[in-house]
């Protein structure tokens, strides 16, 4: 096996699918790292963009433009977007579920993370806590987990082990300078390089000595 040239730690997903497309083209070791956005915002004093209405309006339009550009199927209304940006702490249970899956069956971490973010029921995942178990199980099933594995992850959500693991990855994100999401840490030439936002992939490529080939690159290019 050839060792990848670049190691990137992805601290939760719009650019996630695009980095997956570049995994083999850029020969990167792509690692998903679930972290708690609410904790990062609190520790850094950052504020949700939705607290400034005009900025929230712009970001919703921009997300739709970027989803079309990157060819990522994001379905989100203005109400969903405002609630997500305004109450990031509600993602804690979802992050614990993903963390539990990572600890027990890491091979499902990538498809499960993608399923949580891209499914049309995103508002249910974050805001309808009564339905969390049902929604999580549905997302897990779509990601390929069996009912048994999904149930095991659900049972682990409140365990100290899972809570501590999520705290550790969140603290690591803060150590690298993260102040929000999405954040990517590219380990290259012996140094970590933090990139924030979904529009920094071309710059990331230049740092690691790779060429940006557009949102949907061809392996033959």
C-alpha atoms as a PDB file:
ATOM      1  CA  UNK A   1       0.000   0.000   0.000  1.00  0.00           C
ATOM      2  CA  UNK A   2       1.293   3.448  -0.867  1.00  0.00           C
ATOM      3  CA  UNK A   3       1.197   5.887   2.041  1.00  0.00           C
ATOM      4  CA  UNK A   4      -0.934   8.963   1.332  1.00  0.00           C
ATOM      5  CA  UNK A   5       0.959  12.193   0.814  1.00  0.00           C
ATOM      6  CA  UNK A   6      -1.391  14.314   2.875  1.00  0.00           C
ATOM      7  CA  UNK A   7      -3.314  13.772   6.099  1.00  0.00           C
ATOM      8  CA  UNK A   8      -6.441  15.862   6.644  1.00  0.00           C
ATOM      9  CA  UNK A   9      -8.618  15.853   9.715  1.00  0.00           C
ATOM     10  CA  UNK A  10     -12.146  16.897   8.814  1.00  0.00           C
ATOM     11  CA  UNK A  11     -14.060  18.384  11.723  1.00  0.00           C
ATOM     12  CA  UNK A  12     -17.647  17.934  10.514  1.00  0.00           C
ATOM     13  CA  UNK A  13     -19.355  18.594   7.056  1.00  0.00           C
ATOM     14  CA  UNK A  14     -20.898  21.266   2.401  1.00  0.00           C
ATOM     15  CA  UNK A  15     -17.249  20.694   1.467  1.00  0.00           C
ATOM     16  CA  UNK A  16     -17.197  17.120   2.819  1.00  0.00           C
ATOM     17  CA  UNK A  17     -18.479  15.393  -0.344  1.00  0.00           C
ATOM     18  CA  UNK A  18     -16.071  17.431  -2.465  1.00  0.00           C
ATOM     19  CA  UNK A  19     -13.065  16.433  -0.352  1.00  0.00           C
ATOM     20  CA  UNK A  20     -14.182  12.835  -0.729  1.00  0.00           C
ATOM     21  CA  UNK A  21     -14.067  13.305  -4.517  1.00  0.00           C
ATOM     22  CA  UNK A  22     -10.474  14.542  -4.199  1.00  0.00           C
ATOM     23  CA  UNK A  23      -9.342  11.825  -1.794  1.00  0.00           C
ATOM     24  CA  UNK A  24      -7.573   9.746  -4.430  1.00  0.00           C
ATOM     25  CA  UNK A  25      -6.833  12.534  -6.911  1.00  0.00           C
ATOM     26  CA  UNK A  26      -4.854  14.448  -4.287  1.00  0.00           C
ATOM     27  CA  UNK A  27      -3.809  11.252  -2.487  1.00  0.00           C
ATOM     28  CA  UNK A  28      -4.985  12.447   0.909  1.00  0.00           C
ATOM     29  CA  UNK A  29      -5.718  10.510   4.076  1.00  0.00           C
ATOM     30  CA  UNK A  30      -9.130  11.980   4.903  1.00  0.00           C
ATOM     31  CA  UNK A  31     -10.246  11.554   8.506  1.00  0.00           C
ATOM     32  CA  UNK A  32     -13.626  12.603   9.844  1.00  0.00           C
ATOM     33  CA  UNK A  33     -13.569  14.052  13.366  1.00  0.00           C
ATOM     34  CA  UNK A  34     -16.978  14.735  14.971  1.00  0.00           C
ATOM     35  CA  UNK A  35     -16.876  17.839  17.185  1.00  0.00           C
ATOM     36  CA  UNK A  36     -19.440  19.864  19.117  1.00  0.00           C
ATOM     37  CA  UNK A  37     -20.063  23.147  17.324  1.00  0.00           C
ATOM     38  CA  UNK A  38     -21.845  24.706  20.302  1.00  0.00           C
ATOM     39  CA  UNK A  39     -18.804  24.139  22.499  1.00  0.00           C
ATOM     40  CA  UNK A  40     -16.463  25.638  19.919  1.00  0.00           C
ATOM     41  CA  UNK A  41     -18.666  28.716  19.538  1.00  0.00           C
ATOM     42  CA  UNK A  42     -18.841  29.207  23.290  1.00  0.00           C
ATOM     43  CA  UNK A  43     -15.118  28.757  23.901  1.00  0.00           C
ATOM     44  CA  UNK A  44     -14.125  31.191  21.150  1.00  0.00           C
ATOM     45  CA  UNK A  45     -16.844  33.775  21.762  1.00  0.00           C
ATOM     46  CA  UNK A  46     -18.166  33.297  18.242  1.00  0.00           C
ATOM     47  CA  UNK A  47     -21.771  34.162  17.436  1.00  0.00           C
ATOM     48  CA  UNK A  48     -24.185  32.337  15.108  1.00  0.00           C
ATOM     49  CA  UNK A  49     -24.507  34.183  11.775  1.00  0.00           C
ATOM     50  CA  UNK A  50     -28.288  34.144  12.164  1.00  0.00           C
ATOM     51  CA  UNK A  51     -27.980  36.660  14.999  1.00  0.00           C
ATOM     52  CA  UNK A  52     -27.469  39.223  12.240  1.00  0.00           C
ATOM     53  CA  UNK A  53     -30.604  38.776  10.084  1.00  0.00           C
ATOM     54  CA  UNK A  54     -29.134  40.188   6.881  1.00  0.00           C
ATOM     55  CA  UNK A  55     -26.120  37.923   7.177  1.00  0.00           C
ATOM     56  CA  UNK A  56     -28.395  34.938   7.735  1.00  0.00           C
ATOM     57  CA  UNK A  57     -30.401  35.827   4.626  1.00  0.00           C
ATOM     58  CA  UNK A  58     -27.219  36.087   2.589  1.00  0.00           C
ATOM     59  CA  UNK A  59     -25.779  32.819   3.877  1.00  0.00           C
ATOM     60  CA  UNK A  60     -28.945  30.904   2.995  1.00  0.00           C
ATOM     61  CA  UNK A  61     -28.775  32.210  -0.582  1.00  0.00           C
ATOM     62  CA  UNK A  62     -25.052  31.518  -0.706  1.00  0.00           C
ATOM     63  CA  UNK A  63     -25.511  27.976   0.567  1.00  0.00           C
ATOM     64  CA  UNK A  64     -28.005  27.281  -2.213  1.00  0.00           C
ATOM     65  CA  UNK A  65     -25.562  28.682  -4.795  1.00  0.00           C
ATOM     66  CA  UNK A  66     -22.709  26.620  -3.400  1.00  0.00           C
ATOM     67  CA  UNK A  67     -24.853  23.486  -3.245  1.00  0.00           C
ATOM     68  CA  UNK A  68     -25.586  23.908  -6.945  1.00  0.00           C
ATOM     69  CA  UNK A  69     -21.931  24.630  -7.764  1.00  0.00           C
ATOM     70  CA  UNK A  70     -20.561  21.688  -5.787  1.00  0.00           C
ATOM     71  CA  UNK A  71     -23.471  19.460  -6.911  1.00  0.00           C
ATOM     72  CA  UNK A  72     -24.424  18.516  -3.354  1.00  0.00           C
ATOM     73  CA  UNK A  73     -28.173  17.945  -2.739  1.00  0.00           C
ATOM     74  CA  UNK A  74     -28.918  20.225   0.211  1.00  0.00           C
ATOM     75  CA  UNK A  75     -32.604  20.746   1.005  1.00  0.00           C
ATOM     76  CA  UNK A  76     -33.150  23.537   3.509  1.00  0.00           C
ATOM     77  CA  UNK A  77     -35.771  26.219   4.036  1.00  0.00           C
ATOM     78  CA  UNK A  78     -35.137  29.634   5.543  1.00  0.00           C
ATOM     79  CA  UNK A  79     -36.732  28.529   8.839  1.00  0.00           C
ATOM     80  CA  UNK A  80     -34.538  25.413   9.030  1.00  0.00           C
ATOM     81  CA  UNK A  81     -31.415  27.449   8.319  1.00  0.00           C
ATOM     82  CA  UNK A  82     -32.179  30.080  10.950  1.00  0.00           C
ATOM     83  CA  UNK A  83     -32.876  27.475  13.613  1.00  0.00           C
ATOM     84  CA  UNK A  84     -29.705  25.525  12.875  1.00  0.00           C
ATOM     85  CA  UNK A  85     -27.465  28.594  12.975  1.00  0.00           C
ATOM     86  CA  UNK A  86     -29.208  30.019  16.003  1.00  0.00           C
ATOM     87  CA  UNK A  87     -29.227  26.867  18.162  1.00  0.00           C
ATOM     88  CA  UNK A  88     -26.105  24.862  17.340  1.00  0.00           C
ATOM     89  CA  UNK A  89     -26.134  23.298  20.797  1.00  0.00           C
ATOM     90  CA  UNK A  90     -28.994  21.075  19.642  1.00  0.00           C
ATOM     91  CA  UNK A  91     -26.568  19.113  17.492  1.00  0.00           C
ATOM     92  CA  UNK A  92     -24.969  17.599  20.609  1.00  0.00           C
ATOM     93  CA  UNK A  93     -27.023  14.404  20.611  1.00  0.00           C
ATOM     94  CA  UNK A  94     -26.398  13.870  16.915  1.00  0.00           C
ATOM     95  CA  UNK A  95     -22.653  14.331  17.399  1.00  0.00           C
ATOM     96  CA  UNK A  96     -22.668  11.840  20.263  1.00  0.00           C
ATOM     97  CA  UNK A  97     -24.463   9.308  18.074  1.00  0.00           C
ATOM     98  CA  UNK A  98     -21.910   9.790  15.304  1.00  0.00           C
ATOM     99  CA  UNK A  99     -19.079   9.593  17.852  1.00  0.00           C
ATOM    100  CA  UNK A 100     -20.450   6.339  19.262  1.00  0.00           C
ATOM    101  CA  UNK A 101     -20.572   4.906  15.757  1.00  0.00           C
ATOM    102  CA  UNK A 102     -17.011   6.042  15.109  1.00  0.00           C
ATOM    103  CA  UNK A 103     -15.835   4.293  18.281  1.00  0.00           C
ATOM    104  CA  UNK A 104     -17.578   1.008  17.506  1.00  0.00           C
ATOM    105  CA  UNK A 105     -17.783   0.825  13.708  1.00  0.00           C
ATOM    106  CA  UNK A 106     -15.560   3.536  12.184  1.00  0.00           C
ATOM    107  CA  UNK A 107     -16.134   2.241   8.661  1.00  0.00           C
ATOM    108  CA  UNK A 108     -19.603   3.785   8.823  1.00  0.00           C
ATOM    109  CA  UNK A 109     -18.501   7.214  10.023  1.00  0.00           C
ATOM    110  CA  UNK A 110     -18.242   8.783   6.578  1.00  0.00           C
ATOM    111  CA  UNK A 111     -21.571   7.560   5.125  1.00  0.00           C
ATOM    112  CA  UNK A 112     -23.383   8.270   8.405  1.00  0.00           C
ATOM    113  CA  UNK A 113     -22.034  11.835   8.605  1.00  0.00           C
ATOM    114  CA  UNK A 114     -23.056  12.416   5.001  1.00  0.00           C
ATOM    115  CA  UNK A 115     -26.503  10.952   5.598  1.00  0.00           C
ATOM    116  CA  UNK A 116     -27.132  13.186   8.613  1.00  0.00           C
ATOM    117  CA  UNK A 117     -26.178  16.330   6.770  1.00  0.00           C
ATOM    118  CA  UNK A 118     -27.743  15.697   3.360  1.00  0.00           C
ATOM    119  CA  UNK A 119     -31.043  14.008   4.202  1.00  0.00           C
ATOM    120  CA  UNK A 120     -34.169  16.117   3.888  1.00  0.00           C
ATOM    121  CA  UNK A 121     -35.061  15.448   7.508  1.00  0.00           C
ATOM    122  CA  UNK A 122     -32.181  17.564   8.806  1.00  0.00           C
ATOM    123  CA  UNK A 123     -34.537  19.701  10.884  1.00  0.00           C
ATOM    124  CA  UNK A 124     -35.824  16.576  12.608  1.00  0.00           C
ATOM    125  CA  UNK A 125     -32.303  15.484  13.484  1.00  0.00           C
ATOM    126  CA  UNK A 126     -31.592  18.774  15.233  1.00  0.00           C
ATOM    127  CA  UNK A 127     -34.879  19.956  16.618  1.00  0.00           C
ATOM    128  CA  UNK A 128     -37.344  17.157  17.255  1.00  0.00           C
ATOM    129  CA  UNK A 129     -35.629  15.502  20.208  1.00  0.00           C
ATOM    130  CA  UNK A 130     -38.574  13.202  20.860  1.00  0.00           C
ATOM    131  CA  UNK A 131     -37.990  11.630  17.468  1.00  0.00           C
ATOM    132  CA  UNK A 132     -34.200  11.463  17.779  1.00  0.00           C
ATOM    133  CA  UNK A 133     -34.084   7.680  18.166  1.00  0.00           C
ATOM    134  CA  UNK A 134     -36.298   7.166  15.132  1.00  0.00           C
ATOM    135  CA  UNK A 135     -34.486   9.700  12.954  1.00  0.00           C
ATOM    136  CA  UNK A 136     -31.040   8.431  14.001  1.00  0.00           C
ATOM    137  CA  UNK A 137     -32.035   4.849  13.232  1.00  0.00           C
ATOM    138  CA  UNK A 138     -33.342   5.853   9.812  1.00  0.00           C
ATOM    139  CA  UNK A 139     -30.134   7.739   8.996  1.00  0.00           C
ATOM    140  CA  UNK A 140     -28.027   4.819  10.233  1.00  0.00           C
ATOM    141  CA  UNK A 141     -29.985   2.357   8.106  1.00  0.00           C
ATOM    142  CA  UNK A 142     -29.463   4.487   5.003  1.00  0.00           C
ATOM    143  CA  UNK A 143     -25.734   4.609   5.811  1.00  0.00           C
ATOM    144  CA  UNK A 144     -25.574   0.807   5.921  1.00  0.00           C
ATOM    145  CA  UNK A 145     -25.676   0.087   9.659  1.00  0.00           C
ATOM    146  CA  UNK A 146     -27.731  -2.842  10.854  1.00  0.00           C
ATOM    147  CA  UNK A 147     -30.491  -2.321  13.407  1.00  0.00           C
ATOM    148  CA  UNK A 148     -28.282  -3.990  16.011  1.00  0.00           C
ATOM    149  CA  UNK A 149     -25.325  -1.675  15.411  1.00  0.00           C
ATOM    150  CA  UNK A 150     -27.579   1.367  15.364  1.00  0.00           C
ATOM    151  CA  UNK A 151     -29.186   0.361  18.656  1.00  0.00           C
ATOM    152  CA  UNK A 152     -25.769  -0.116  20.231  1.00  0.00           C
ATOM    153  CA  UNK A 153     -24.743   3.396  19.227  1.00  0.00           C
ATOM    154  CA  UNK A 154     -27.997   4.807  20.614  1.00  0.00           C
ATOM    155  CA  UNK A 155     -27.371   3.086  23.944  1.00  0.00           C
ATOM    156  CA  UNK A 156     -23.882   4.611  24.110  1.00  0.00           C
ATOM    157  CA  UNK A 157     -24.973   8.234  23.588  1.00  0.00           C
ATOM    158  CA  UNK A 158     -25.120   9.065  27.298  1.00  0.00           C
ATOM    159  CA  UNK A 159     -22.053   7.041  28.291  1.00  0.00           C
ATOM    160  CA  UNK A 160     -19.036   8.849  29.824  1.00  0.00           C
ATOM    161  CA  UNK A 161     -16.788   7.234  27.216  1.00  0.00           C
ATOM    162  CA  UNK A 162     -18.638   8.811  24.296  1.00  0.00           C
ATOM    163  CA  UNK A 163     -18.997  12.169  26.047  1.00  0.00           C
ATOM    164  CA  UNK A 164     -15.278  12.253  26.823  1.00  0.00           C
ATOM    165  CA  UNK A 165     -14.343  11.300  23.260  1.00  0.00           C
ATOM    166  CA  UNK A 166     -16.453  14.126  21.828  1.00  0.00           C
ATOM    167  CA  UNK A 167     -14.949  16.563  24.328  1.00  0.00           C
ATOM    168  CA  UNK A 168     -11.468  15.461  23.257  1.00  0.00           C
ATOM    169  CA  UNK A 169     -12.083  15.986  19.539  1.00  0.00           C
ATOM    170  CA  UNK A 170     -13.735  19.347  20.255  1.00  0.00           C
ATOM    171  CA  UNK A 171     -10.734  20.405  22.349  1.00  0.00           C
ATOM    172  CA  UNK A 172      -8.435  19.278  19.545  1.00  0.00           C
ATOM    173  CA  UNK A 173     -10.344  21.417  17.058  1.00  0.00           C
ATOM    174  CA  UNK A 174      -9.929  24.399  19.378  1.00  0.00           C
ATOM    175  CA  UNK A 175      -6.222  23.641  19.693  1.00  0.00           C
ATOM    176  CA  UNK A 176      -5.828  23.946  15.932  1.00  0.00           C
ATOM    177  CA  UNK A 177      -7.630  27.300  16.001  1.00  0.00           C
ATOM    178  CA  UNK A 178     -11.156  26.324  14.951  1.00  0.00           C
ATOM    179  CA  UNK A 179     -13.847  28.895  15.753  1.00  0.00           C
ATOM    180  CA  UNK A 180     -16.729  27.416  13.756  1.00  0.00           C
ATOM    181  CA  UNK A 181     -17.647  24.817  11.160  1.00  0.00           C
ATOM    182  CA  UNK A 182     -16.801  23.498   8.656  1.00  0.00           C
ATOM    183  CA  UNK A 183     -13.131  23.303   9.552  1.00  0.00           C
ATOM    184  CA  UNK A 184     -10.359  21.303   7.922  1.00  0.00           C
ATOM    185  CA  UNK A 185      -6.902  20.718   9.329  1.00  0.00           C
ATOM    186  CA  UNK A 186      -4.386  19.749   6.651  1.00  0.00           C
ATOM    187  CA  UNK A 187      -1.204  18.199   8.020  1.00  0.00           C
ATOM    188  CA  UNK A 188       1.421  18.980   5.425  1.00  0.00           C
ATOM    189  CA  UNK A 189       5.182  19.426   5.515  1.00  0.00           C
ATOM    190  CA  UNK A 190       5.208  18.813   9.240  1.00  0.00           C
ATOM    191  CA  UNK A 191       2.726  21.585  10.015  1.00  0.00           C
ATOM    192  CA  UNK A 192      -1.039  21.773  10.593  1.00  0.00           C
ATOM    193  CA  UNK A 193      -2.947  24.204   8.363  1.00  0.00           C
ATOM    194  CA  UNK A 194      -6.469  25.224   9.392  1.00  0.00           C
ATOM    195  CA  UNK A 195      -9.052  26.133   6.747  1.00  0.00           C
ATOM    196  CA  UNK A 196     -12.511  27.433   7.648  1.00  0.00           C
ATOM    197  CA  UNK A 197     -15.515  27.454   5.340  1.00  0.00           C
ATOM    198  CA  UNK A 198     -16.595  25.661   2.195  1.00  0.00           C
ATOM    199  CA  UNK A 199     -14.853  28.000  -0.251  1.00  0.00           C
ATOM    200  CA  UNK A 200     -11.208  27.325   0.620  1.00  0.00           C
ATOM    201  CA  UNK A 201     -10.580  24.135  -1.352  1.00  0.00           C
ATOM    202  CA  UNK A 202      -8.613  25.837  -4.122  1.00  0.00           C
ATOM    203  CA  UNK A 203      -6.401  27.509  -1.509  1.00  0.00           C
ATOM    204  CA  UNK A 204      -6.035  24.217   0.366  1.00  0.00           C
ATOM    205  CA  UNK A 205      -4.847  22.556  -2.831  1.00  0.00           C
ATOM    206  CA  UNK A 206      -2.238  25.248  -3.385  1.00  0.00           C
ATOM    207  CA  UNK A 207      -0.875  24.784   0.153  1.00  0.00           C
ATOM    208  CA  UNK A 208      -0.379  21.033  -0.299  1.00  0.00           C
ATOM    209  CA  UNK A 209       0.950  21.406  -3.834  1.00  0.00           C
ATOM    210  CA  UNK A 210      -2.117  20.057  -5.634  1.00  0.00           C
ATOM    211  CA  UNK A 211      -4.228  21.522  -8.440  1.00  0.00           C
ATOM    212  CA  UNK A 212      -7.892  22.421  -8.033  1.00  0.00           C
ATOM    213  CA  UNK A 213      -9.817  20.670 -10.810  1.00  0.00           C
ATOM    214  CA  UNK A 214     -13.275  22.031 -10.113  1.00  0.00           C
ATOM    215  CA  UNK A 215     -16.143  20.819  -7.922  1.00  0.00           C
ATOM    216  CA  UNK A 216     -16.534  17.480  -9.708  1.00  0.00           C
ATOM    217  CA  UNK A 217     -13.054  16.428 -10.852  1.00  0.00           C
ATOM    218  CA  UNK A 218     -12.449  13.631 -13.306  1.00  0.00           C
ATOM    219  CA  UNK A 219     -10.009  10.917 -12.141  1.00  0.00           C
ATOM    220  CA  UNK A 220      -8.408  11.104 -15.598  1.00  0.00           C
ATOM    221  CA  UNK A 221      -7.549  14.782 -15.299  1.00  0.00           C
END
